[in-house]
Amino acid sequence: MLCLRCSRAHRVDPDCLSPPAENKYGVLSNFYKSPIKINDHTYPTVEHYFQSQKFPGTRHEKDIRNARSPGEAGEERSVMCARWC
């Protein structure tokens, strides 16, 4: 089995399931740093993808995808929504 935390193939180790200090929910969080590739675009976290899909096909989608952190991706979306909504 491929460990989601350390990206090595091994039996599930409780140490690998414990959340890192910066993320109390660990691998179950949208903020977990694990790049995903969807439709030829790579997103640093699930949160980046989730927030970017509120503006599909626009430059805002790219800005959110390229945000430095998942929190920044959400903030970027909030700023854009305030302008558009």
N, C-alpha and C. Protein backbone atom coordinates (compact mmCIF):
# COMPACT_ATOMS: atom_id res chain seq x y z
N MET A 1 0.85 -1.18 0.00
CA MET A 1 0.00 0.00 0.00
C MET A 1 0.89 1.25 0.00
N LEU A 2 0.53 2.23 -0.78
CA LEU A 2 1.30 3.48 -0.84
C LEU A 2 0.80 4.41 0.26
N CYS A 3 1.72 4.80 1.11
CA CYS A 3 1.39 5.68 2.23
C CYS A 3 1.16 7.09 1.69
N LEU A 4 0.06 7.70 2.08
CA LEU A 4 -0.25 9.05 1.61
C LEU A 4 0.60 10.12 2.28
N ARG A 5 1.13 9.81 3.43
CA ARG A 5 1.91 10.81 4.16
C ARG A 5 3.36 10.86 3.70
N CYS A 6 3.99 9.69 3.58
CA CYS A 6 5.41 9.70 3.24
C CYS A 6 5.68 9.23 1.81
N SER A 7 4.64 8.84 1.07
CA SER A 7 4.73 8.42 -0.33
C SER A 7 5.61 7.20 -0.55
N ARG A 8 5.70 6.35 0.46
CA ARG A 8 6.44 5.10 0.31
C ARG A 8 5.46 3.94 0.38
N ALA A 9 5.81 2.85 -0.29
CA ALA A 9 4.98 1.66 -0.21
C ALA A 9 5.38 0.88 1.04
N HIS A 10 4.46 0.73 1.99
CA HIS A 10 4.70 -0.06 3.19
C HIS A 10 3.38 -0.31 3.89
N ARG A 11 3.41 -1.14 4.89
CA ARG A 11 2.20 -1.36 5.68
C ARG A 11 1.84 -0.07 6.40
N VAL A 12 0.58 0.12 6.62
CA VAL A 12 0.14 1.35 7.28
C VAL A 12 0.73 1.42 8.68
N ASP A 13 1.42 2.50 8.93
CA ASP A 13 2.11 2.73 10.19
C ASP A 13 1.37 3.84 10.93
N PRO A 14 1.02 3.65 12.18
CA PRO A 14 0.32 4.72 12.91
C PRO A 14 1.03 6.06 12.87
N ASP A 15 2.36 6.06 12.79
CA ASP A 15 3.10 7.32 12.71
C ASP A 15 2.78 8.07 11.42
N CYS A 16 2.52 7.33 10.35
CA CYS A 16 2.21 7.97 9.07
C CYS A 16 0.77 8.46 9.02
N LEU A 17 -0.08 7.94 9.88
CA LEU A 17 -1.46 8.40 9.91
C LEU A 17 -1.67 9.56 10.86
N SER A 18 -0.72 9.79 11.75
CA SER A 18 -0.88 10.91 12.66
C SER A 18 -0.70 12.21 11.89
N PRO A 19 -1.53 13.20 12.19
CA PRO A 19 -1.48 14.44 11.42
C PRO A 19 -0.19 15.22 11.65
N PRO A 20 0.32 15.85 10.60
CA PRO A 20 1.48 16.72 10.78
C PRO A 20 1.09 17.93 11.63
N ALA A 21 2.06 18.57 12.21
CA ALA A 21 1.81 19.69 13.13
C ALA A 21 1.00 20.81 12.49
N GLU A 22 1.22 21.09 11.19
CA GLU A 22 0.52 22.21 10.57
C GLU A 22 -0.90 21.88 10.13
N ASN A 23 -1.32 20.62 10.28
CA ASN A 23 -2.64 20.23 9.81
C ASN A 23 -3.22 19.17 10.73
N LYS A 24 -4.15 19.54 11.59
CA LYS A 24 -4.64 18.61 12.60
C LYS A 24 -5.46 17.45 12.04
N TYR A 25 -5.92 17.52 10.79
CA TYR A 25 -6.69 16.43 10.21
C TYR A 25 -5.86 15.53 9.30
N GLY A 26 -4.60 15.86 9.11
CA GLY A 26 -3.71 15.01 8.32
C GLY A 26 -4.21 14.74 6.91
N VAL A 27 -4.06 13.50 6.48
CA VAL A 27 -4.37 13.13 5.10
C VAL A 27 -5.85 13.25 4.75
N LEU A 28 -6.71 13.42 5.73
CA LEU A 28 -8.14 13.54 5.46
C LEU A 28 -8.58 14.97 5.18
N SER A 29 -7.66 15.91 5.26
CA SER A 29 -7.99 17.32 5.09
C SER A 29 -7.83 17.77 3.64
N ASN A 30 -8.69 18.71 3.21
CA ASN A 30 -8.53 19.34 1.90
C ASN A 30 -7.24 20.14 1.82
N PHE A 31 -6.68 20.48 2.98
CA PHE A 31 -5.46 21.29 3.03
C PHE A 31 -4.20 20.43 3.00
N TYR A 32 -4.35 19.11 3.01
CA TYR A 32 -3.18 18.22 3.00
C TYR A 32 -2.40 18.41 1.71
N LYS A 33 -1.10 18.60 1.84
CA LYS A 33 -0.24 18.86 0.67
C LYS A 33 0.01 17.57 -0.09
N SER A 34 -0.82 17.34 -1.10
CA SER A 34 -0.70 16.17 -1.96
C SER A 34 -1.20 16.57 -3.34
N PRO A 35 -0.29 16.89 -4.25
CA PRO A 35 -0.70 17.36 -5.58
C PRO A 35 -1.63 16.37 -6.28
N ILE A 36 -2.63 16.92 -6.95
CA ILE A 36 -3.54 16.11 -7.75
C ILE A 36 -3.57 16.69 -9.17
N LYS A 37 -3.69 15.81 -10.16
CA LYS A 37 -3.74 16.26 -11.54
C LYS A 37 -5.12 15.95 -12.10
N ILE A 38 -5.78 16.99 -12.58
CA ILE A 38 -7.12 16.87 -13.16
C ILE A 38 -7.14 17.69 -14.44
N ASN A 39 -7.55 17.05 -15.53
CA ASN A 39 -7.65 17.73 -16.83
C ASN A 39 -6.37 18.49 -17.21
N ASP A 40 -5.24 17.82 -17.09
CA ASP A 40 -3.94 18.38 -17.45
C ASP A 40 -3.48 19.56 -16.60
N HIS A 41 -4.12 19.77 -15.46
CA HIS A 41 -3.70 20.81 -14.52
C HIS A 41 -3.36 20.15 -13.19
N THR A 42 -2.27 20.61 -12.58
CA THR A 42 -1.87 20.07 -11.29
C THR A 42 -2.21 21.08 -10.20
N TYR A 43 -2.89 20.60 -9.18
CA TYR A 43 -3.30 21.41 -8.04
C TYR A 43 -2.52 20.94 -6.82
N PRO A 44 -1.95 21.85 -6.03
CA PRO A 44 -1.15 21.45 -4.87
C PRO A 44 -1.95 20.71 -3.79
N THR A 45 -3.24 21.05 -3.66
CA THR A 45 -4.09 20.42 -2.65
C THR A 45 -5.50 20.28 -3.23
N VAL A 46 -6.32 19.49 -2.58
CA VAL A 46 -7.72 19.38 -2.97
C VAL A 46 -8.42 20.72 -2.80
N GLU A 47 -8.03 21.48 -1.78
CA GLU A 47 -8.63 22.80 -1.54
C GLU A 47 -8.40 23.74 -2.71
N HIS A 48 -7.19 23.71 -3.29
CA HIS A 48 -6.92 24.53 -4.47
C HIS A 48 -7.90 24.17 -5.59
N TYR A 49 -8.08 22.89 -5.82
CA TYR A 49 -9.01 22.46 -6.88
C TYR A 49 -10.44 22.91 -6.56
N PHE A 50 -10.88 22.63 -5.34
CA PHE A 50 -12.24 22.98 -4.94
C PHE A 50 -12.53 24.46 -5.15
N GLN A 51 -11.64 25.32 -4.67
CA GLN A 51 -11.85 26.76 -4.79
C GLN A 51 -11.78 27.22 -6.25
N SER A 52 -10.86 26.65 -7.03
CA SER A 52 -10.69 27.09 -8.42
C SER A 52 -11.91 26.76 -9.28
N GLN A 53 -12.65 25.71 -8.90
CA GLN A 53 -13.80 25.31 -9.70
C GLN A 53 -15.00 26.23 -9.52
N LYS A 54 -14.87 27.21 -8.68
CA LYS A 54 -15.91 28.23 -8.57
C LYS A 54 -15.79 29.25 -9.70
N PHE A 55 -14.65 29.18 -10.44
CA PHE A 55 -14.40 30.08 -11.57
C PHE A 55 -13.85 29.29 -12.76
N PRO A 56 -14.54 28.24 -13.21
CA PRO A 56 -13.99 27.41 -14.29
C PRO A 56 -13.80 28.19 -15.59
N GLY A 57 -12.67 27.93 -16.24
CA GLY A 57 -12.40 28.53 -17.53
C GLY A 57 -12.02 30.00 -17.52
N THR A 58 -11.73 30.54 -16.32
CA THR A 58 -11.34 31.95 -16.24
C THR A 58 -9.90 32.06 -15.73
N ARG A 59 -9.35 33.27 -15.81
CA ARG A 59 -8.00 33.47 -15.29
C ARG A 59 -7.96 33.28 -13.78
N HIS A 60 -9.12 33.49 -13.13
CA HIS A 60 -9.21 33.31 -11.69
C HIS A 60 -8.96 31.86 -11.29
N GLU A 61 -9.40 30.95 -12.14
CA GLU A 61 -9.15 29.53 -11.88
C GLU A 61 -7.63 29.29 -11.79
N LYS A 62 -6.89 29.88 -12.71
CA LYS A 62 -5.43 29.72 -12.72
C LYS A 62 -4.80 30.41 -11.50
N ASP A 63 -5.26 31.59 -11.17
CA ASP A 63 -4.73 32.32 -10.01
C ASP A 63 -4.90 31.49 -8.73
N ILE A 64 -6.06 30.89 -8.58
CA ILE A 64 -6.32 30.08 -7.39
C ILE A 64 -5.47 28.81 -7.41
N ARG A 65 -5.35 28.18 -8.57
CA ARG A 65 -4.51 26.97 -8.70
C ARG A 65 -3.06 27.27 -8.31
N ASN A 66 -2.60 28.48 -8.60
CA ASN A 66 -1.21 28.85 -8.32
C ASN A 66 -1.01 29.52 -6.96
N ALA A 67 -2.05 29.60 -6.16
CA ALA A 67 -1.92 30.21 -4.82
C ALA A 67 -0.88 29.44 -4.01
N ARG A 68 -0.15 30.15 -3.16
CA ARG A 68 0.95 29.53 -2.40
C ARG A 68 0.50 28.53 -1.35
N SER A 69 -0.71 28.69 -0.84
CA SER A 69 -1.20 27.79 0.21
C SER A 69 -2.70 27.57 0.01
N PRO A 70 -3.25 26.52 0.64
CA PRO A 70 -4.68 26.30 0.53
C PRO A 70 -5.48 27.46 1.14
N GLY A 71 -4.98 28.02 2.23
CA GLY A 71 -5.65 29.17 2.83
C GLY A 71 -5.68 30.35 1.89
N GLU A 72 -4.57 30.57 1.21
CA GLU A 72 -4.50 31.67 0.24
C GLU A 72 -5.44 31.41 -0.94
N ALA A 73 -5.59 30.15 -1.32
CA ALA A 73 -6.53 29.81 -2.40
C ALA A 73 -7.94 30.21 -2.02
N GLY A 74 -8.32 29.96 -0.78
CA GLY A 74 -9.64 30.36 -0.30
C GLY A 74 -9.80 31.86 -0.21
N GLU A 75 -8.75 32.54 0.23
CA GLU A 75 -8.78 34.00 0.32
C GLU A 75 -8.90 34.62 -1.07
N GLU A 76 -8.16 34.06 -2.02
CA GLU A 76 -8.19 34.54 -3.40
C GLU A 76 -9.61 34.41 -3.95
N ARG A 77 -10.25 33.29 -3.66
CA ARG A 77 -11.62 33.06 -4.11
C ARG A 77 -12.56 34.08 -3.48
N SER A 78 -12.37 34.36 -2.20
CA SER A 78 -13.23 35.32 -1.51
C SER A 78 -13.12 36.71 -2.11
N VAL A 79 -11.91 37.13 -2.44
CA VAL A 79 -11.70 38.45 -3.03
C VAL A 79 -12.39 38.52 -4.39
N MET A 80 -12.23 37.47 -5.19
CA MET A 80 -12.84 37.46 -6.53
C MET A 80 -14.35 37.43 -6.42
N CYS A 81 -14.87 36.68 -5.50
CA CYS A 81 -16.31 36.58 -5.33
C CYS A 81 -16.88 37.93 -4.89
N ALA A 82 -16.16 38.63 -4.04
CA ALA A 82 -16.62 39.95 -3.59
C ALA A 82 -16.71 40.92 -4.77
N ARG A 83 -15.80 40.75 -5.73
CA ARG A 83 -15.83 41.62 -6.91
C ARG A 83 -16.95 41.24 -7.87
N TRP A 84 -17.20 39.92 -7.98
CA TRP A 84 -18.15 39.43 -8.98
C TRP A 84 -19.57 39.30 -8.46
N CYS A 85 -19.72 38.96 -7.18
CA CYS A 85 -21.06 38.62 -6.67
C CYS A 85 -21.83 39.84 -6.23
